[in-house]
Amino acid sequence: MLEAIRLVPDELVLNAATEAMLRPCQRCGAEDAVCNLYRFHWVWSFVWITRSGHRDLMTCPWCRRKQAAVDLIGTTLGGWWALPIGPLVTIDRVVRNAVTLLRPSRQTPTPELLRVLRIQIGIKLYHEWKARGGV
């Protein structure tokens, strides 16, 4: 299956990305904005426990800024409260969310979007090949 993912033509991925970017925003439904895939990070901590993660969302520029600000504030307020790792992880996630917040809107697909679409197309092609009797 990994070979199928590697063999997906760049042109096919770019066409799928262009189509995906023209769909309405997943968050607000805006149809007049160019959407893209962005990663948002979060952290919460309590005493000795620190949990962190991320979520990928296909959003318009307005929703991207809004979500990055929400995660930036939430992480800033809730990520520090566990020693020793809480403050270290929080600083990293705050910087990542600040970069997402301040980054100019892209009219071209993000690397994250291209990676996800390449994987999805590769898996689809692999299953089609297997259904036709591929070995």
C-alpha atoms as a PDB file:
ATOM      1  CA  MET A   1       0.000   0.000   0.000  1.00  0.00           C
ATOM      2  CA  LEU A   2       2.894   2.373   0.705  1.00  0.00           C
ATOM      3  CA  GLU A   3       4.080   1.864  -2.842  1.00  0.00           C
ATOM      4  CA  ALA A   4       0.630   2.840  -4.140  1.00  0.00           C
ATOM      5  CA  ILE A   5       0.805   6.045  -2.099  1.00  0.00           C
ATOM      6  CA  ARG A   6       4.265   6.863  -3.448  1.00  0.00           C
ATOM      7  CA  LEU A   7       3.130   6.253  -7.042  1.00  0.00           C
ATOM      8  CA  VAL A   8       0.210   8.711  -6.968  1.00  0.00           C
ATOM      9  CA  PRO A   9       0.950  11.314  -9.667  1.00  0.00           C
ATOM     10  CA  ASP A  10       1.539  14.879  -8.423  1.00  0.00           C
ATOM     11  CA  GLU A  11      -0.935  16.211 -10.983  1.00  0.00           C
ATOM     12  CA  LEU A  12      -3.707  14.029  -9.534  1.00  0.00           C
ATOM     13  CA  VAL A  13      -2.933  15.281  -6.008  1.00  0.00           C
ATOM     14  CA  LEU A  14      -2.862  18.933  -7.129  1.00  0.00           C
ATOM     15  CA  ASN A  15      -6.195  18.561  -8.952  1.00  0.00           C
ATOM     16  CA  ALA A  16      -7.773  17.017  -5.844  1.00  0.00           C
ATOM     17  CA  ALA A  17      -6.294  19.805  -3.691  1.00  0.00           C
ATOM     18  CA  THR A  18      -7.693  22.510  -5.952  1.00  0.00           C
ATOM     19  CA  GLU A  19     -11.112  20.883  -5.798  1.00  0.00           C
ATOM     20  CA  ALA A  20     -10.922  20.546  -1.997  1.00  0.00           C
ATOM     21  CA  MET A  21      -9.882  24.179  -1.552  1.00  0.00           C
ATOM     22  CA  LEU A  22     -12.960  25.390  -3.424  1.00  0.00           C
ATOM     23  CA  ARG A  23     -15.416  23.545  -1.169  1.00  0.00           C
ATOM     24  CA  PRO A  24     -17.267  25.475   1.551  1.00  0.00           C
ATOM     25  CA  CYS A  25     -15.518  25.955   4.902  1.00  0.00           C
ATOM     26  CA  GLN A  26     -16.102  23.040   7.313  1.00  0.00           C
ATOM     27  CA  ARG A  27     -16.556  25.447  10.230  1.00  0.00           C
ATOM     28  CA  CYS A  28     -18.662  28.377   8.987  1.00  0.00           C
ATOM     29  CA  GLY A  29     -19.858  27.189   5.578  1.00  0.00           C
ATOM     30  CA  ALA A  30     -18.383  30.199   3.721  1.00  0.00           C
ATOM     31  CA  GLU A  31     -18.385  29.461   0.011  1.00  0.00           C
ATOM     32  CA  ASP A  32     -16.498  32.533  -1.187  1.00  0.00           C
ATOM     33  CA  ALA A  33     -13.210  31.833   0.638  1.00  0.00           C
ATOM     34  CA  VAL A  34     -10.303  29.594  -0.330  1.00  0.00           C
ATOM     35  CA  CYS A  35     -10.063  26.877   2.314  1.00  0.00           C
ATOM     36  CA  ASN A  36      -6.934  25.002   3.292  1.00  0.00           C
ATOM     37  CA  LEU A  37      -5.890  22.316   5.786  1.00  0.00           C
ATOM     38  CA  TYR A  38      -4.279  23.641   8.959  1.00  0.00           C
ATOM     39  CA  ARG A  39      -3.056  21.982  12.150  1.00  0.00           C
ATOM     40  CA  PHE A  40      -4.096  23.375  15.536  1.00  0.00           C
ATOM     41  CA  HIS A  41      -2.349  22.359  18.781  1.00  0.00           C
ATOM     42  CA  TRP A  42      -3.619  22.174  22.360  1.00  0.00           C
ATOM     43  CA  VAL A  43      -2.267  21.402  25.832  1.00  0.00           C
ATOM     44  CA  TRP A  44      -3.873  21.070  29.240  1.00  0.00           C
ATOM     45  CA  SER A  45      -2.106  20.226  32.459  1.00  0.00           C
ATOM     46  CA  PHE A  46      -2.968  19.468  36.062  1.00  0.00           C
ATOM     47  CA  VAL A  47      -0.429  18.746  38.819  1.00  0.00           C
ATOM     48  CA  TRP A  48       1.639  15.879  37.276  1.00  0.00           C
ATOM     49  CA  ILE A  49      -0.451  15.201  34.168  1.00  0.00           C
ATOM     50  CA  THR A  50       0.043  16.932  30.827  1.00  0.00           C
ATOM     51  CA  ARG A  51      -2.067  16.086  27.786  1.00  0.00           C
ATOM     52  CA  SER A  52      -1.362  17.524  24.383  1.00  0.00           C
ATOM     53  CA  GLY A  53      -2.519  16.920  20.866  1.00  0.00           C
ATOM     54  CA  HIS A  54      -3.542  18.463  17.598  1.00  0.00           C
ATOM     55  CA  ARG A  55      -6.409  18.511  15.165  1.00  0.00           C
ATOM     56  CA  ASP A  56      -6.387  19.145  11.436  1.00  0.00           C
ATOM     57  CA  LEU A  57      -9.200  21.291  10.065  1.00  0.00           C
ATOM     58  CA  MET A  58     -10.077  22.364   6.542  1.00  0.00           C
ATOM     59  CA  THR A  59     -10.972  26.002   7.143  1.00  0.00           C
ATOM     60  CA  CYS A  60     -11.295  29.409   5.540  1.00  0.00           C
ATOM     61  CA  PRO A  61      -8.807  32.136   6.576  1.00  0.00           C
ATOM     62  CA  TRP A  62     -11.250  33.661   9.086  1.00  0.00           C
ATOM     63  CA  CYS A  63     -11.940  30.348  10.857  1.00  0.00           C
ATOM     64  CA  ARG A  64      -8.219  29.488  10.794  1.00  0.00           C
ATOM     65  CA  ARG A  65      -7.368  32.664  12.682  1.00  0.00           C
ATOM     66  CA  LYS A  66     -10.263  32.214  15.089  1.00  0.00           C
ATOM     67  CA  GLN A  67      -9.391  28.563  15.896  1.00  0.00           C
ATOM     68  CA  ALA A  68      -5.678  29.345  16.241  1.00  0.00           C
ATOM     69  CA  ALA A  69      -6.504  32.186  18.675  1.00  0.00           C
ATOM     70  CA  VAL A  70      -8.827  29.961  20.735  1.00  0.00           C
ATOM     71  CA  ASP A  71      -6.202  27.196  20.962  1.00  0.00           C
ATOM     72  CA  LEU A  72      -3.448  29.733  21.671  1.00  0.00           C
ATOM     73  CA  ILE A  73      -5.385  31.248  24.587  1.00  0.00           C
ATOM     74  CA  GLY A  74      -6.576  27.880  25.910  1.00  0.00           C
ATOM     75  CA  THR A  75      -3.083  26.417  25.778  1.00  0.00           C
ATOM     76  CA  THR A  76      -1.560  29.522  27.355  1.00  0.00           C
ATOM     77  CA  LEU A  77      -4.015  29.374  30.268  1.00  0.00           C
ATOM     78  CA  GLY A  78      -4.277  25.624  30.731  1.00  0.00           C
ATOM     79  CA  GLY A  79      -0.936  24.175  29.735  1.00  0.00           C
ATOM     80  CA  TRP A  80       1.443  25.383  32.440  1.00  0.00           C
ATOM     81  CA  TRP A  81       0.058  23.597  35.479  1.00  0.00           C
ATOM     82  CA  ALA A  82       2.057  20.356  35.544  1.00  0.00           C
ATOM     83  CA  LEU A  83       5.724  20.039  36.370  1.00  0.00           C
ATOM     84  CA  PRO A  84       8.188  19.412  34.871  1.00  0.00           C
ATOM     85  CA  ILE A  85       6.907  18.924  31.316  1.00  0.00           C
ATOM     86  CA  GLY A  86       3.836  21.224  31.219  1.00  0.00           C
ATOM     87  CA  PRO A  87       5.684  24.518  30.668  1.00  0.00           C
ATOM     88  CA  LEU A  88       7.997  23.016  28.021  1.00  0.00           C
ATOM     89  CA  VAL A  89       5.178  21.521  25.958  1.00  0.00           C
ATOM     90  CA  THR A  90       3.084  24.663  26.389  1.00  0.00           C
ATOM     91  CA  ILE A  91       5.801  26.932  24.983  1.00  0.00           C
ATOM     92  CA  ASP A  92       6.146  24.708  21.913  1.00  0.00           C
ATOM     93  CA  ARG A  93       2.371  24.598  21.271  1.00  0.00           C
ATOM     94  CA  VAL A  94       1.928  28.343  21.890  1.00  0.00           C
ATOM     95  CA  VAL A  95       4.611  29.096  19.291  1.00  0.00           C
ATOM     96  CA  ARG A  96       3.038  26.685  16.783  1.00  0.00           C
ATOM     97  CA  ASN A  97      -0.425  28.214  17.230  1.00  0.00           C
ATOM     98  CA  ALA A  98       1.022  31.740  17.003  1.00  0.00           C
ATOM     99  CA  VAL A  99       2.657  30.838  13.684  1.00  0.00           C
ATOM    100  CA  THR A 100      -0.670  29.463  12.396  1.00  0.00           C
ATOM    101  CA  LEU A 101      -2.449  32.595  13.618  1.00  0.00           C
ATOM    102  CA  LEU A 102       0.005  35.058  12.075  1.00  0.00           C
ATOM    103  CA  ARG A 103       0.783  33.199   8.845  1.00  0.00           C
ATOM    104  CA  PRO A 104      -0.681  34.885   5.760  1.00  0.00           C
ATOM    105  CA  SER A 105      -3.516  33.043   4.025  1.00  0.00           C
ATOM    106  CA  ARG A 106      -2.366  30.668   1.308  1.00  0.00           C
ATOM    107  CA  GLN A 107      -3.840  30.522  -2.176  1.00  0.00           C
ATOM    108  CA  THR A 108      -1.906  27.300  -2.811  1.00  0.00           C
ATOM    109  CA  PRO A 109      -2.396  23.980  -0.999  1.00  0.00           C
ATOM    110  CA  THR A 110      -0.594  23.528   2.311  1.00  0.00           C
ATOM    111  CA  PRO A 111       1.895  20.646   2.549  1.00  0.00           C
ATOM    112  CA  GLU A 112      -0.484  19.045   5.081  1.00  0.00           C
ATOM    113  CA  LEU A 113      -3.332  19.052   2.553  1.00  0.00           C
ATOM    114  CA  LEU A 114      -1.147  17.556  -0.181  1.00  0.00           C
ATOM    115  CA  ARG A 115       0.091  14.818   2.187  1.00  0.00           C
ATOM    116  CA  VAL A 116      -3.431  13.855   3.312  1.00  0.00           C
ATOM    117  CA  LEU A 117      -4.799  13.811  -0.241  1.00  0.00           C
ATOM    118  CA  ARG A 118      -1.861  11.735  -1.527  1.00  0.00           C
ATOM    119  CA  ILE A 119      -2.557   9.147   1.182  1.00  0.00           C
ATOM    120  CA  GLN A 120      -6.312   9.115   0.512  1.00  0.00           C
ATOM    121  CA  ILE A 121      -5.860   8.763  -3.247  1.00  0.00           C
ATOM    122  CA  GLY A 122      -3.183   6.079  -2.803  1.00  0.00           C
ATOM    123  CA  ILE A 123      -5.424   4.029  -0.508  1.00  0.00           C
ATOM    124  CA  LYS A 124      -8.348   4.358  -2.929  1.00  0.00           C
ATOM    125  CA  LEU A 125      -6.207   3.281  -5.898  1.00  0.00           C
ATOM    126  CA  TYR A 126      -4.771   0.369  -3.921  1.00  0.00           C
ATOM    127  CA  HIS A 127      -8.237  -0.919  -3.003  1.00  0.00           C
ATOM    128  CA  GLU A 128      -9.436  -0.540  -6.591  1.00  0.00           C
ATOM    129  CA  TRP A 129      -6.414  -2.504  -7.769  1.00  0.00           C
ATOM    130  CA  LYS A 130      -7.049  -5.243  -5.168  1.00  0.00           C
ATOM    131  CA  ALA A 131     -10.741  -5.423  -6.184  1.00  0.00           C
ATOM    132  CA  ARG A 132      -9.673  -6.060  -9.800  1.00  0.00           C
ATOM    133  CA  GLY A 133      -7.635  -9.040  -8.649  1.00  0.00           C
ATOM    134  CA  GLY A 134      -4.253  -7.445  -8.036  1.00  0.00           C
ATOM    135  CA  VAL A 135      -1.760  -9.496  -6.053  1.00  0.00           C
END
